[in-house]
Amino acid sequence: MNTSFNTICSLSQTYSYSFSSVEKNTESSNDLSKKFDVTPVPNQNEIKHDELVRIDFAFCGEKENPSEPYCQFYKPANYSDDDPVFVAKFYPWDDSEPVSREIHLKDIDFSHTDKYEAFAYGIYLEEQGKISYLDDMVIAFDHANDNMPDNTSNFNKVDLIGSIKEFMNEGLKHGYYEQYMHYLTIFNSIKGAKL
């Protein structure tokens, strides 16, 4: 698979932007796996935050596909950069109650991460001014996921570090230095990453 790409191409249709707001958290006992044969929300935590602040990023998902639900990202009202936590709210296609999942950014294992963790960390890096293109995180995940035996789920755990290294190497090999620099910046921004 060719991991080189034209940096003018954008995956902005993969996710949508929305306006910030504060939403009261609703507790939900909804479990998406009861309705389908897959478990699309692994390690669901009980959210204990009174208020969530919606941030300007969401995944559109794929209609009627339980492995790719619509997902809106939030920050707890008591968010702290010392222990950054995002909340992903998954909205089932059958209009049942959303399922919430906390993503502790400091605990992400980048050699074993799903698309929502990668995206949340990309949002964090963009907000910190460490990366310019959030699309690069999504592209790295998608590339690694495309190489999985079952590549139909955004919940697959993939080696994001390996994918980022591939993009860096291919950028150098084919003279796409901007691509190399984008992924080098991500690589250097990911805590614990080693060449």
C-alpha atoms as a PDB file:
ATOM      1  CA  MET A   1       0.000   0.000   0.000  1.00  0.00           C
ATOM      2  CA  ASN A   2       1.351   3.394  -0.911  1.00  0.00           C
ATOM      3  CA  THR A   3       1.586   5.552   2.207  1.00  0.00           C
ATOM      4  CA  SER A   4       2.506   8.688   0.302  1.00  0.00           C
ATOM      5  CA  PHE A   5      -0.221  11.201  -0.248  1.00  0.00           C
ATOM      6  CA  ASN A   6      -0.855  14.631  -1.621  1.00  0.00           C
ATOM      7  CA  THR A   7      -1.071  17.028   1.331  1.00  0.00           C
ATOM      8  CA  ILE A   8      -3.641  19.154  -0.509  1.00  0.00           C
ATOM      9  CA  CYS A   9      -6.165  16.315  -0.140  1.00  0.00           C
ATOM     10  CA  SER A  10      -8.253  16.657   3.026  1.00  0.00           C
ATOM     11  CA  LEU A  11     -10.345  14.216   5.015  1.00  0.00           C
ATOM     12  CA  SER A  12     -12.495  16.962   6.470  1.00  0.00           C
ATOM     13  CA  GLN A  13     -15.595  15.007   5.528  1.00  0.00           C
ATOM     14  CA  THR A  14     -14.538  12.326   8.043  1.00  0.00           C
ATOM     15  CA  TYR A  15     -15.561  14.521  10.930  1.00  0.00           C
ATOM     16  CA  SER A  16     -17.689  17.572  11.369  1.00  0.00           C
ATOM     17  CA  TYR A  17     -17.306  20.727  13.367  1.00  0.00           C
ATOM     18  CA  SER A  18     -19.965  22.010  15.700  1.00  0.00           C
ATOM     19  CA  PHE A  19     -20.434  24.911  18.073  1.00  0.00           C
ATOM     20  CA  SER A  20     -19.383  24.837  21.736  1.00  0.00           C
ATOM     21  CA  SER A  21     -22.020  24.489  24.368  1.00  0.00           C
ATOM     22  CA  VAL A  22     -22.512  23.121  27.863  1.00  0.00           C
ATOM     23  CA  GLU A  23     -24.644  20.031  28.218  1.00  0.00           C
ATOM     24  CA  LYS A  24     -25.846  18.390  31.416  1.00  0.00           C
ATOM     25  CA  ASN A  25     -24.597  14.821  31.569  1.00  0.00           C
ATOM     26  CA  THR A  26     -27.271  12.172  31.427  1.00  0.00           C
ATOM     27  CA  GLU A  27     -26.439   8.790  32.867  1.00  0.00           C
ATOM     28  CA  SER A  28     -27.203   5.981  30.501  1.00  0.00           C
ATOM     29  CA  SER A  29     -27.385   2.266  31.021  1.00  0.00           C
ATOM     30  CA  ASN A  30     -27.616   1.800  27.263  1.00  0.00           C
ATOM     31  CA  ASP A  31     -25.263  -0.822  25.915  1.00  0.00           C
ATOM     32  CA  LEU A  32     -24.886  -0.875  22.146  1.00  0.00           C
ATOM     33  CA  SER A  33     -23.757  -4.514  22.197  1.00  0.00           C
ATOM     34  CA  LYS A  34     -27.265  -5.606  23.299  1.00  0.00           C
ATOM     35  CA  LYS A  35     -28.637  -4.661  19.896  1.00  0.00           C
ATOM     36  CA  PHE A  36     -25.780  -5.903  17.696  1.00  0.00           C
ATOM     37  CA  ASP A  37     -23.236  -8.693  17.478  1.00  0.00           C
ATOM     38  CA  VAL A  38     -20.305  -6.330  18.045  1.00  0.00           C
ATOM     39  CA  THR A  39     -19.204  -4.438  21.130  1.00  0.00           C
ATOM     40  CA  PRO A  40     -18.513  -0.979  19.732  1.00  0.00           C
ATOM     41  CA  VAL A  41     -17.724   0.739  23.066  1.00  0.00           C
ATOM     42  CA  PRO A  42     -14.980  -1.146  24.914  1.00  0.00           C
ATOM     43  CA  ASN A  43     -14.139  -0.243  28.520  1.00  0.00           C
ATOM     44  CA  GLN A  44     -17.082   2.110  28.979  1.00  0.00           C
ATOM     45  CA  ASN A  45     -16.595   4.145  32.155  1.00  0.00           C
ATOM     46  CA  GLU A  46     -19.353   5.698  34.231  1.00  0.00           C
ATOM     47  CA  ILE A  47     -19.055   9.434  33.671  1.00  0.00           C
ATOM     48  CA  LYS A  48     -19.226  11.330  36.951  1.00  0.00           C
ATOM     49  CA  HIS A  49     -18.982  14.891  35.654  1.00  0.00           C
ATOM     50  CA  ASP A  50     -21.964  17.156  36.234  1.00  0.00           C
ATOM     51  CA  GLU A  51     -21.388  19.188  33.119  1.00  0.00           C
ATOM     52  CA  LEU A  52     -19.665  18.519  29.847  1.00  0.00           C
ATOM     53  CA  VAL A  53     -18.415  21.240  27.532  1.00  0.00           C
ATOM     54  CA  ARG A  54     -18.901  20.301  23.908  1.00  0.00           C
ATOM     55  CA  ILE A  55     -15.820  20.926  21.802  1.00  0.00           C
ATOM     56  CA  ASP A  56     -15.803  21.607  18.086  1.00  0.00           C
ATOM     57  CA  PHE A  57     -15.087  18.086  16.840  1.00  0.00           C
ATOM     58  CA  ALA A  58     -17.231  15.056  16.027  1.00  0.00           C
ATOM     59  CA  PHE A  59     -17.187  11.937  13.840  1.00  0.00           C
ATOM     60  CA  CYS A  60     -20.125  11.662  11.479  1.00  0.00           C
ATOM     61  CA  GLY A  61     -20.045   7.878  11.582  1.00  0.00           C
ATOM     62  CA  GLU A  62     -21.655   5.571   9.049  1.00  0.00           C
ATOM     63  CA  LYS A  63     -25.447   5.334   9.174  1.00  0.00           C
ATOM     64  CA  GLU A  64     -26.782   2.031  10.532  1.00  0.00           C
ATOM     65  CA  ASN A  65     -23.236   0.709  11.207  1.00  0.00           C
ATOM     66  CA  PRO A  66     -22.882  -0.029  14.947  1.00  0.00           C
ATOM     67  CA  SER A  67     -19.086  -0.087  14.576  1.00  0.00           C
ATOM     68  CA  GLU A  68     -19.080   3.534  13.381  1.00  0.00           C
ATOM     69  CA  PRO A  69     -21.646   5.523  15.386  1.00  0.00           C
ATOM     70  CA  TYR A  70     -21.918   9.298  15.364  1.00  0.00           C
ATOM     71  CA  CYS A  71     -19.549  10.541  18.077  1.00  0.00           C
ATOM     72  CA  GLN A  72     -19.327  14.002  19.652  1.00  0.00           C
ATOM     73  CA  PHE A  73     -16.350  14.983  21.818  1.00  0.00           C
ATOM     74  CA  TYR A  74     -16.602  16.860  25.118  1.00  0.00           C
ATOM     75  CA  LYS A  75     -14.389  18.068  27.929  1.00  0.00           C
ATOM     76  CA  PRO A  76     -15.461  17.802  31.559  1.00  0.00           C
ATOM     77  CA  ALA A  77     -16.232  21.197  33.099  1.00  0.00           C
ATOM     78  CA  ASN A  78     -13.365  20.518  35.539  1.00  0.00           C
ATOM     79  CA  TYR A  79     -10.885  19.722  32.716  1.00  0.00           C
ATOM     80  CA  SER A  80      -7.206  20.102  33.613  1.00  0.00           C
ATOM     81  CA  ASP A  81      -4.097  19.939  31.422  1.00  0.00           C
ATOM     82  CA  ASP A  82      -2.401  18.115  34.322  1.00  0.00           C
ATOM     83  CA  ASP A  83      -4.680  15.127  33.701  1.00  0.00           C
ATOM     84  CA  PRO A  84      -6.407  15.733  30.358  1.00  0.00           C
ATOM     85  CA  VAL A  85      -9.609  13.764  29.867  1.00  0.00           C
ATOM     86  CA  PHE A  86     -11.993  13.943  26.933  1.00  0.00           C
ATOM     87  CA  VAL A  87     -15.418  12.342  26.843  1.00  0.00           C
ATOM     88  CA  ALA A  88     -16.625  10.669  23.668  1.00  0.00           C
ATOM     89  CA  LYS A  89     -20.412  10.377  23.412  1.00  0.00           C
ATOM     90  CA  PHE A  90     -21.594   7.750  20.977  1.00  0.00           C
ATOM     91  CA  TYR A  91     -25.068   8.275  19.578  1.00  0.00           C
ATOM     92  CA  PRO A  92     -26.643   4.984  18.416  1.00  0.00           C
ATOM     93  CA  TRP A  93     -28.426   5.013  15.076  1.00  0.00           C
ATOM     94  CA  ASP A  94     -31.654   3.811  16.707  1.00  0.00           C
ATOM     95  CA  ASP A  95     -31.926   7.136  18.617  1.00  0.00           C
ATOM     96  CA  SER A  96     -31.522   5.450  22.001  1.00  0.00           C
ATOM     97  CA  GLU A  97     -29.593   7.159  24.812  1.00  0.00           C
ATOM     98  CA  PRO A  98     -25.955   8.038  24.037  1.00  0.00           C
ATOM     99  CA  VAL A  99     -23.153   5.965  25.524  1.00  0.00           C
ATOM    100  CA  SER A 100     -20.288   7.933  27.100  1.00  0.00           C
ATOM    101  CA  ARG A 101     -16.647   6.928  27.298  1.00  0.00           C
ATOM    102  CA  GLU A 102     -13.852   8.759  29.082  1.00  0.00           C
ATOM    103  CA  ILE A 103     -10.563   8.956  27.196  1.00  0.00           C
ATOM    104  CA  HIS A 104      -7.646   9.630  29.538  1.00  0.00           C
ATOM    105  CA  LEU A 105      -5.095  11.105  27.163  1.00  0.00           C
ATOM    106  CA  LYS A 106      -2.074  10.315  29.349  1.00  0.00           C
ATOM    107  CA  ASP A 107      -3.043   6.624  29.413  1.00  0.00           C
ATOM    108  CA  ILE A 108      -3.307   6.057  25.648  1.00  0.00           C
ATOM    109  CA  ASP A 109      -1.089   3.246  24.346  1.00  0.00           C
ATOM    110  CA  PHE A 110      -0.205   4.416  20.841  1.00  0.00           C
ATOM    111  CA  SER A 111       0.887   0.947  19.787  1.00  0.00           C
ATOM    112  CA  HIS A 112      -2.640  -0.284  20.588  1.00  0.00           C
ATOM    113  CA  THR A 113      -5.168   2.512  20.017  1.00  0.00           C
ATOM    114  CA  ASP A 114      -8.566   2.934  18.406  1.00  0.00           C
ATOM    115  CA  LYS A 115      -9.701   5.768  16.145  1.00  0.00           C
ATOM    116  CA  TYR A 116     -11.483   7.681  18.901  1.00  0.00           C
ATOM    117  CA  GLU A 117      -8.395   7.690  21.136  1.00  0.00           C
ATOM    118  CA  ALA A 118      -6.204   8.780  18.218  1.00  0.00           C
ATOM    119  CA  PHE A 119      -8.657  11.519  17.278  1.00  0.00           C
ATOM    120  CA  ALA A 120      -8.989  12.743  20.878  1.00  0.00           C
ATOM    121  CA  TYR A 121      -5.207  12.950  21.215  1.00  0.00           C
ATOM    122  CA  GLY A 122      -5.027  14.779  17.883  1.00  0.00           C
ATOM    123  CA  ILE A 123      -7.557  17.327  19.166  1.00  0.00           C
ATOM    124  CA  TYR A 124      -5.415  17.765  22.279  1.00  0.00           C
ATOM    125  CA  LEU A 125      -2.232  18.281  20.222  1.00  0.00           C
ATOM    126  CA  GLU A 126      -3.994  20.775  17.941  1.00  0.00           C
ATOM    127  CA  GLU A 127      -5.338  22.730  20.920  1.00  0.00           C
ATOM    128  CA  GLN A 128      -1.817  22.813  22.396  1.00  0.00           C
ATOM    129  CA  GLY A 129      -0.501  24.188  19.083  1.00  0.00           C
ATOM    130  CA  LYS A 130       1.759  21.149  18.593  1.00  0.00           C
ATOM    131  CA  ILE A 131       0.270  20.021  15.268  1.00  0.00           C
ATOM    132  CA  SER A 132      -1.355  21.886  12.404  1.00  0.00           C
ATOM    133  CA  TYR A 133      -3.351  19.127  10.729  1.00  0.00           C
ATOM    134  CA  LEU A 134      -5.693  16.934  12.745  1.00  0.00           C
ATOM    135  CA  ASP A 135      -6.320  14.969   9.532  1.00  0.00           C
ATOM    136  CA  ASP A 136      -2.841  13.455   9.880  1.00  0.00           C
ATOM    137  CA  MET A 137      -3.902  11.508  13.008  1.00  0.00           C
ATOM    138  CA  VAL A 138      -7.013  10.209  11.235  1.00  0.00           C
ATOM    139  CA  ILE A 139      -5.029   9.234   8.134  1.00  0.00           C
ATOM    140  CA  ALA A 140      -2.441   7.376  10.253  1.00  0.00           C
ATOM    141  CA  PHE A 141      -5.193   5.430  12.019  1.00  0.00           C
ATOM    142  CA  ASP A 142      -7.018   4.646   8.772  1.00  0.00           C
ATOM    143  CA  HIS A 143      -3.809   3.383   7.167  1.00  0.00           C
ATOM    144  CA  ALA A 144      -3.086   1.040  10.084  1.00  0.00           C
ATOM    145  CA  ASN A 145      -6.733  -0.060  10.225  1.00  0.00           C
ATOM    146  CA  ASP A 146      -6.767  -0.805   6.478  1.00  0.00           C
ATOM    147  CA  ASN A 147      -4.064  -3.410   7.150  1.00  0.00           C
ATOM    148  CA  MET A 148      -6.221  -5.217   9.759  1.00  0.00           C
ATOM    149  CA  PRO A 149      -7.997  -8.480   8.852  1.00  0.00           C
ATOM    150  CA  ASP A 150     -11.338  -6.895   9.816  1.00  0.00           C
ATOM    151  CA  ASN A 151     -10.948  -3.208   8.934  1.00  0.00           C
ATOM    152  CA  THR A 152     -14.597  -2.221   9.231  1.00  0.00           C
ATOM    153  CA  SER A 153     -14.547  -0.833  12.777  1.00  0.00           C
ATOM    154  CA  ASN A 154     -13.284   2.419  14.262  1.00  0.00           C
ATOM    155  CA  PHE A 155     -12.895   0.449  17.516  1.00  0.00           C
ATOM    156  CA  ASN A 156     -10.084  -1.746  16.160  1.00  0.00           C
ATOM    157  CA  LYS A 157      -6.872  -1.383  18.158  1.00  0.00           C
ATOM    158  CA  VAL A 158      -3.978  -0.547  15.818  1.00  0.00           C
ATOM    159  CA  ASP A 159      -0.293   0.374  15.993  1.00  0.00           C
ATOM    160  CA  LEU A 160      -0.522   4.128  15.423  1.00  0.00           C
ATOM    161  CA  ILE A 161       3.226   4.607  16.072  1.00  0.00           C
ATOM    162  CA  GLY A 162       4.081   2.093  13.346  1.00  0.00           C
ATOM    163  CA  SER A 163       1.755   3.825  10.909  1.00  0.00           C
ATOM    164  CA  ILE A 164       3.254   7.248  11.697  1.00  0.00           C
ATOM    165  CA  LYS A 165       6.765   5.828  11.135  1.00  0.00           C
ATOM    166  CA  GLU A 166       5.648   4.416   7.764  1.00  0.00           C
ATOM    167  CA  PHE A 167       4.374   7.830   6.670  1.00  0.00           C
ATOM    168  CA  MET A 168       7.629   9.461   7.781  1.00  0.00           C
ATOM    169  CA  ASN A 169       9.762   6.907   5.898  1.00  0.00           C
ATOM    170  CA  GLU A 170       7.634   7.085   2.761  1.00  0.00           C
ATOM    171  CA  GLY A 171       7.733  10.883   2.862  1.00  0.00           C
ATOM    172  CA  LEU A 172      11.527  10.806   2.879  1.00  0.00           C
ATOM    173  CA  LYS A 173      11.737   8.029   0.281  1.00  0.00           C
ATOM    174  CA  HIS A 174       9.487   9.843  -2.228  1.00  0.00           C
ATOM    175  CA  GLY A 175      10.590  13.401  -1.501  1.00  0.00           C
ATOM    176  CA  TYR A 176       7.366  14.436   0.246  1.00  0.00           C
ATOM    177  CA  TYR A 177       9.166  16.446   2.885  1.00  0.00           C
ATOM    178  CA  GLU A 178       6.040  18.239   4.077  1.00  0.00           C
ATOM    179  CA  GLN A 179       4.470  14.837   4.788  1.00  0.00           C
ATOM    180  CA  TYR A 180       7.606  13.789   6.635  1.00  0.00           C
ATOM    181  CA  MET A 181       7.568  16.948   8.767  1.00  0.00           C
ATOM    182  CA  HIS A 182       3.847  16.605   9.627  1.00  0.00           C
ATOM    183  CA  TYR A 183       4.332  13.067  10.917  1.00  0.00           C
ATOM    184  CA  LEU A 184       7.650  13.841  12.604  1.00  0.00           C
ATOM    185  CA  THR A 185       5.878  16.592  14.537  1.00  0.00           C
ATOM    186  CA  ILE A 186       3.146  14.160  15.622  1.00  0.00           C
ATOM    187  CA  PHE A 187       5.711  11.515  16.474  1.00  0.00           C
ATOM    188  CA  ASN A 188       7.720  13.925  18.627  1.00  0.00           C
ATOM    189  CA  SER A 189       4.530  15.162  20.319  1.00  0.00           C
ATOM    190  CA  ILE A 190       3.391  11.720  21.396  1.00  0.00           C
ATOM    191  CA  LYS A 191       4.667  11.047  24.873  1.00  0.00           C
ATOM    192  CA  GLY A 192       6.744   7.902  25.125  1.00  0.00           C
ATOM    193  CA  ALA A 193       7.327   7.476  21.382  1.00  0.00           C
ATOM    194  CA  LYS A 194      10.787   6.207  20.474  1.00  0.00           C
ATOM    195  CA  LEU A 195      12.456   5.953  17.068  1.00  0.00           C
END
